[in-house]
Amino acid sequence: MLEAAARESDTQITDAIDRVKTSRGGMPLIAVGGGSILIPDELPGVSEVIRPNHFDAANAIGAAIASVSGQVDRIFHFGPGGRKAALDEASQEARDHAVAAGADPGTVQIVELEEIPLAYLTSPAVRIRAKAAGALGGLYGATETNTSHH
């Protein structure tokens, strides 16, 4: 049963590689991450399987350098500050969510901001989707004061 499962796994890997290849010939495959130990040393359509130094820790490195994000998607009614106040409020909420998720406040920026006007309401309103992202707190030279509330 284990051998049949291993064969099926190899077949699925080969099929996946064939779908992403940009040419017909054999291409080198760089295997990284914890699951890369499941990749056999030889596969059809692969000229060589390369496992760089510390290949098994690559996904941990990727997770460590990834940005942390927060987002808001809700209806805002225009108050005294109008449209600008609603956009500012949505942006601040997205920043707050990113920081609450672990982003260093000094690196958080708005990366997406979408405004969708809503018609047929008694008071002016808009759907705002805002996304903020920043470096994981404590990385990239973040100071202790920036991350002390996490």
C-alpha atoms as a PDB file:
ATOM      1  CA  MET A   1       0.000   0.000   0.000  1.00  0.00           C
ATOM      2  CA  LEU A   2       2.889   2.387   0.802  1.00  0.00           C
ATOM      3  CA  GLU A   3       4.527   1.680  -2.568  1.00  0.00           C
ATOM      4  CA  ALA A   4       1.255   2.407  -4.393  1.00  0.00           C
ATOM      5  CA  ALA A   5       0.896   5.694  -2.488  1.00  0.00           C
ATOM      6  CA  ALA A   6       4.498   6.670  -3.327  1.00  0.00           C
ATOM      7  CA  ARG A   7       3.893   5.900  -7.031  1.00  0.00           C
ATOM      8  CA  GLU A   8       0.713   7.992  -7.011  1.00  0.00           C
ATOM      9  CA  SER A   9       2.571  10.854  -5.311  1.00  0.00           C
ATOM     10  CA  ASP A  10       5.319  10.708  -7.964  1.00  0.00           C
ATOM     11  CA  THR A  11       2.684  10.737 -10.723  1.00  0.00           C
ATOM     12  CA  GLN A  12       0.970  13.793  -9.237  1.00  0.00           C
ATOM     13  CA  ILE A  13       4.310  15.616  -8.876  1.00  0.00           C
ATOM     14  CA  THR A  14       5.222  14.793 -12.499  1.00  0.00           C
ATOM     15  CA  ASP A  15       1.817  16.025 -13.721  1.00  0.00           C
ATOM     16  CA  ALA A  16       2.154  19.264 -11.730  1.00  0.00           C
ATOM     17  CA  ILE A  17       5.639  19.890 -13.131  1.00  0.00           C
ATOM     18  CA  ASP A  18       4.403  19.286 -16.693  1.00  0.00           C
ATOM     19  CA  ARG A  19       1.616  21.849 -16.203  1.00  0.00           C
ATOM     20  CA  VAL A  20       3.992  24.637 -15.160  1.00  0.00           C
ATOM     21  CA  LYS A  21       6.862  23.959 -17.567  1.00  0.00           C
ATOM     22  CA  THR A  22       7.439  26.523 -20.290  1.00  0.00           C
ATOM     23  CA  SER A  23       9.120  24.105 -22.718  1.00  0.00           C
ATOM     24  CA  ARG A  24       8.908  20.400 -23.595  1.00  0.00           C
ATOM     25  CA  GLY A  25      12.437  19.349 -22.654  1.00  0.00           C
ATOM     26  CA  GLY A  26      13.728  18.292 -19.280  1.00  0.00           C
ATOM     27  CA  MET A  27      14.143  21.183 -16.871  1.00  0.00           C
ATOM     28  CA  PRO A  28      15.981  21.294 -13.532  1.00  0.00           C
ATOM     29  CA  LEU A  29      13.775  21.235 -10.434  1.00  0.00           C
ATOM     30  CA  ILE A  30      14.864  23.081  -7.299  1.00  0.00           C
ATOM     31  CA  ALA A  31      13.278  21.314  -4.324  1.00  0.00           C
ATOM     32  CA  VAL A  32      12.904  23.359  -1.129  1.00  0.00           C
ATOM     33  CA  GLY A  33      10.720  23.310   1.949  1.00  0.00           C
ATOM     34  CA  GLY A  34       9.758  20.586   4.373  1.00  0.00           C
ATOM     35  CA  GLY A  35       7.805  18.576   1.795  1.00  0.00           C
ATOM     36  CA  SER A  36      10.724  18.486  -0.637  1.00  0.00           C
ATOM     37  CA  ILE A  37      11.955  15.256   0.949  1.00  0.00           C
ATOM     38  CA  LEU A  38       9.033  13.587  -0.815  1.00  0.00           C
ATOM     39  CA  ILE A  39      10.446  14.523  -4.244  1.00  0.00           C
ATOM     40  CA  PRO A  40      12.359  11.576  -5.729  1.00  0.00           C
ATOM     41  CA  ASP A  41      15.865  12.156  -7.118  1.00  0.00           C
ATOM     42  CA  GLU A  42      14.653  11.330 -10.651  1.00  0.00           C
ATOM     43  CA  LEU A  43      11.396  12.325 -12.313  1.00  0.00           C
ATOM     44  CA  PRO A  44      10.193  12.191 -15.933  1.00  0.00           C
ATOM     45  CA  GLY A  45      10.584  15.609 -17.582  1.00  0.00           C
ATOM     46  CA  VAL A  46      13.120  16.773 -14.976  1.00  0.00           C
ATOM     47  CA  SER A  47      16.792  16.960 -15.990  1.00  0.00           C
ATOM     48  CA  GLU A  48      17.982  17.064 -12.356  1.00  0.00           C
ATOM     49  CA  VAL A  49      16.594  17.583  -8.874  1.00  0.00           C
ATOM     50  CA  ILE A  50      18.579  20.242  -7.016  1.00  0.00           C
ATOM     51  CA  ARG A  51      18.405  20.541  -3.231  1.00  0.00           C
ATOM     52  CA  PRO A  52      20.375  23.610  -2.105  1.00  0.00           C
ATOM     53  CA  ASN A  53      21.985  23.868   1.328  1.00  0.00           C
ATOM     54  CA  HIS A  54      19.322  24.117   4.047  1.00  0.00           C
ATOM     55  CA  PHE A  55      16.613  23.276   1.492  1.00  0.00           C
ATOM     56  CA  ASP A  56      14.361  21.951   4.235  1.00  0.00           C
ATOM     57  CA  ALA A  57      14.200  25.334   6.004  1.00  0.00           C
ATOM     58  CA  ALA A  58      13.219  27.429   2.965  1.00  0.00           C
ATOM     59  CA  ASN A  59       9.552  27.651   3.882  1.00  0.00           C
ATOM     60  CA  ALA A  60      10.464  28.788   7.409  1.00  0.00           C
ATOM     61  CA  ILE A  61      12.553  31.595   5.928  1.00  0.00           C
ATOM     62  CA  GLY A  62       9.706  32.597   3.635  1.00  0.00           C
ATOM     63  CA  ALA A  63       7.287  32.742   6.547  1.00  0.00           C
ATOM     64  CA  ALA A  64       9.730  34.820   8.578  1.00  0.00           C
ATOM     65  CA  ILE A  65      10.190  37.486   5.884  1.00  0.00           C
ATOM     66  CA  ALA A  66       6.575  37.609   4.744  1.00  0.00           C
ATOM     67  CA  SER A  67       4.541  40.723   5.350  1.00  0.00           C
ATOM     68  CA  VAL A  68       1.628  40.763   7.779  1.00  0.00           C
ATOM     69  CA  SER A  69      -1.638  42.265   6.606  1.00  0.00           C
ATOM     70  CA  GLY A  70      -4.972  43.438   7.886  1.00  0.00           C
ATOM     71  CA  GLN A  71      -8.060  44.382   5.953  1.00  0.00           C
ATOM     72  CA  VAL A  72     -11.452  46.022   6.196  1.00  0.00           C
ATOM     73  CA  ASP A  73     -14.471  45.484   3.939  1.00  0.00           C
ATOM     74  CA  ARG A  74     -17.578  47.276   5.115  1.00  0.00           C
ATOM     75  CA  ILE A  75     -20.126  50.001   4.488  1.00  0.00           C
ATOM     76  CA  PHE A  76     -19.258  53.528   5.624  1.00  0.00           C
ATOM     77  CA  HIS A  77     -21.878  56.272   5.907  1.00  0.00           C
ATOM     78  CA  PHE A  78     -20.614  59.735   5.140  1.00  0.00           C
ATOM     79  CA  GLY A  79     -20.517  61.805   8.295  1.00  0.00           C
ATOM     80  CA  PRO A  80     -19.329  65.382   8.790  1.00  0.00           C
ATOM     81  CA  GLY A  81     -15.933  64.633   7.227  1.00  0.00           C
ATOM     82  CA  GLY A  82     -17.490  63.183   4.086  1.00  0.00           C
ATOM     83  CA  ARG A  83     -15.707  60.852   1.679  1.00  0.00           C
ATOM     84  CA  LYS A  84     -12.163  61.629   2.868  1.00  0.00           C
ATOM     85  CA  ALA A  85     -13.049  60.857   6.492  1.00  0.00           C
ATOM     86  CA  ALA A  86     -14.565  57.501   5.474  1.00  0.00           C
ATOM     87  CA  LEU A  87     -11.453  56.562   3.455  1.00  0.00           C
ATOM     88  CA  ASP A  88      -9.195  57.647   6.332  1.00  0.00           C
ATOM     89  CA  GLU A  89     -11.231  55.617   8.833  1.00  0.00           C
ATOM     90  CA  ALA A  90     -11.110  52.483   6.657  1.00  0.00           C
ATOM     91  CA  SER A  91      -7.366  52.898   6.119  1.00  0.00           C
ATOM     92  CA  GLN A  92      -6.734  53.319   9.845  1.00  0.00           C
ATOM     93  CA  GLU A  93      -8.831  50.239  10.661  1.00  0.00           C
ATOM     94  CA  ALA A  94      -6.848  48.183   8.135  1.00  0.00           C
ATOM     95  CA  ARG A  95      -3.570  49.447   9.665  1.00  0.00           C
ATOM     96  CA  ASP A  96      -4.838  48.571  13.157  1.00  0.00           C
ATOM     97  CA  HIS A  97      -5.762  45.051  12.013  1.00  0.00           C
ATOM     98  CA  ALA A  98      -2.292  44.563  10.484  1.00  0.00           C
ATOM     99  CA  VAL A  99      -0.600  45.694  13.722  1.00  0.00           C
ATOM    100  CA  ALA A 100      -2.919  43.452  15.768  1.00  0.00           C
ATOM    101  CA  ALA A 101      -1.853  40.544  13.517  1.00  0.00           C
ATOM    102  CA  GLY A 102       1.813  41.240  14.301  1.00  0.00           C
ATOM    103  CA  ALA A 103       2.990  43.874  11.820  1.00  0.00           C
ATOM    104  CA  ASP A 104       5.578  46.430  12.909  1.00  0.00           C
ATOM    105  CA  PRO A 105       3.586  49.711  13.055  1.00  0.00           C
ATOM    106  CA  GLY A 106       6.487  51.654  11.538  1.00  0.00           C
ATOM    107  CA  THR A 107       6.364  49.606   8.326  1.00  0.00           C
ATOM    108  CA  VAL A 108       2.598  49.324   7.764  1.00  0.00           C
ATOM    109  CA  GLN A 109       1.309  50.860   4.525  1.00  0.00           C
ATOM    110  CA  ILE A 110      -1.996  50.804   2.671  1.00  0.00           C
ATOM    111  CA  VAL A 111      -1.516  48.404  -0.253  1.00  0.00           C
ATOM    112  CA  GLU A 112      -5.100  48.294  -1.586  1.00  0.00           C
ATOM    113  CA  LEU A 113      -7.924  50.795  -1.338  1.00  0.00           C
ATOM    114  CA  GLU A 114     -11.188  50.282  -3.218  1.00  0.00           C
ATOM    115  CA  GLU A 115     -14.291  52.433  -3.012  1.00  0.00           C
ATOM    116  CA  ILE A 116     -17.672  51.260  -4.313  1.00  0.00           C
ATOM    117  CA  PRO A 117     -20.485  53.861  -4.217  1.00  0.00           C
ATOM    118  CA  LEU A 118     -23.858  52.577  -3.039  1.00  0.00           C
ATOM    119  CA  ALA A 119     -26.992  53.966  -4.642  1.00  0.00           C
ATOM    120  CA  TYR A 120     -30.581  53.939  -3.401  1.00  0.00           C
ATOM    121  CA  LEU A 121     -29.782  54.637   0.251  1.00  0.00           C
ATOM    122  CA  THR A 122     -31.339  57.443   2.281  1.00  0.00           C
ATOM    123  CA  SER A 123     -27.926  58.759   3.377  1.00  0.00           C
ATOM    124  CA  PRO A 124     -24.756  58.794   1.270  1.00  0.00           C
ATOM    125  CA  ALA A 125     -22.751  55.604   1.828  1.00  0.00           C
ATOM    126  CA  VAL A 126     -19.899  53.723   0.223  1.00  0.00           C
ATOM    127  CA  ARG A 127     -18.434  50.253   0.512  1.00  0.00           C
ATOM    128  CA  ILE A 128     -14.710  50.540   1.200  1.00  0.00           C
ATOM    129  CA  ARG A 129     -12.218  47.718   1.022  1.00  0.00           C
ATOM    130  CA  ALA A 130      -8.828  48.599   2.461  1.00  0.00           C
ATOM    131  CA  LYS A 131      -5.790  46.386   2.974  1.00  0.00           C
ATOM    132  CA  ALA A 132      -2.654  47.323   4.894  1.00  0.00           C
ATOM    133  CA  ALA A 133       0.577  45.341   5.144  1.00  0.00           C
ATOM    134  CA  GLY A 134       3.887  45.643   6.958  1.00  0.00           C
ATOM    135  CA  ALA A 135       6.920  43.673   8.097  1.00  0.00           C
ATOM    136  CA  LEU A 136       6.475  41.128  10.860  1.00  0.00           C
ATOM    137  CA  GLY A 137       7.088  42.916  14.169  1.00  0.00           C
ATOM    138  CA  GLY A 138      10.625  42.558  15.530  1.00  0.00           C
ATOM    139  CA  LEU A 139      12.251  42.145  12.098  1.00  0.00           C
ATOM    140  CA  TYR A 140      14.094  44.542   9.802  1.00  0.00           C
ATOM    141  CA  GLY A 141      15.559  46.558  12.637  1.00  0.00           C
ATOM    142  CA  ALA A 142      12.261  47.213  14.388  1.00  0.00           C
ATOM    143  CA  THR A 143      12.777  48.732  17.794  1.00  0.00           C
ATOM    144  CA  GLU A 144      11.498  47.232  21.009  1.00  0.00           C
ATOM    145  CA  THR A 145       9.073  50.140  21.430  1.00  0.00           C
ATOM    146  CA  ASN A 146       7.465  49.320  18.097  1.00  0.00           C
ATOM    147  CA  THR A 147       6.709  45.751  19.123  1.00  0.00           C
ATOM    148  CA  SER A 148       6.215  46.002  22.894  1.00  0.00           C
ATOM    149  CA  HIS A 149       2.425  45.705  22.695  1.00  0.00           C
ATOM    150  CA  HIS A 150       2.510  42.378  20.838  1.00  0.00           C
END
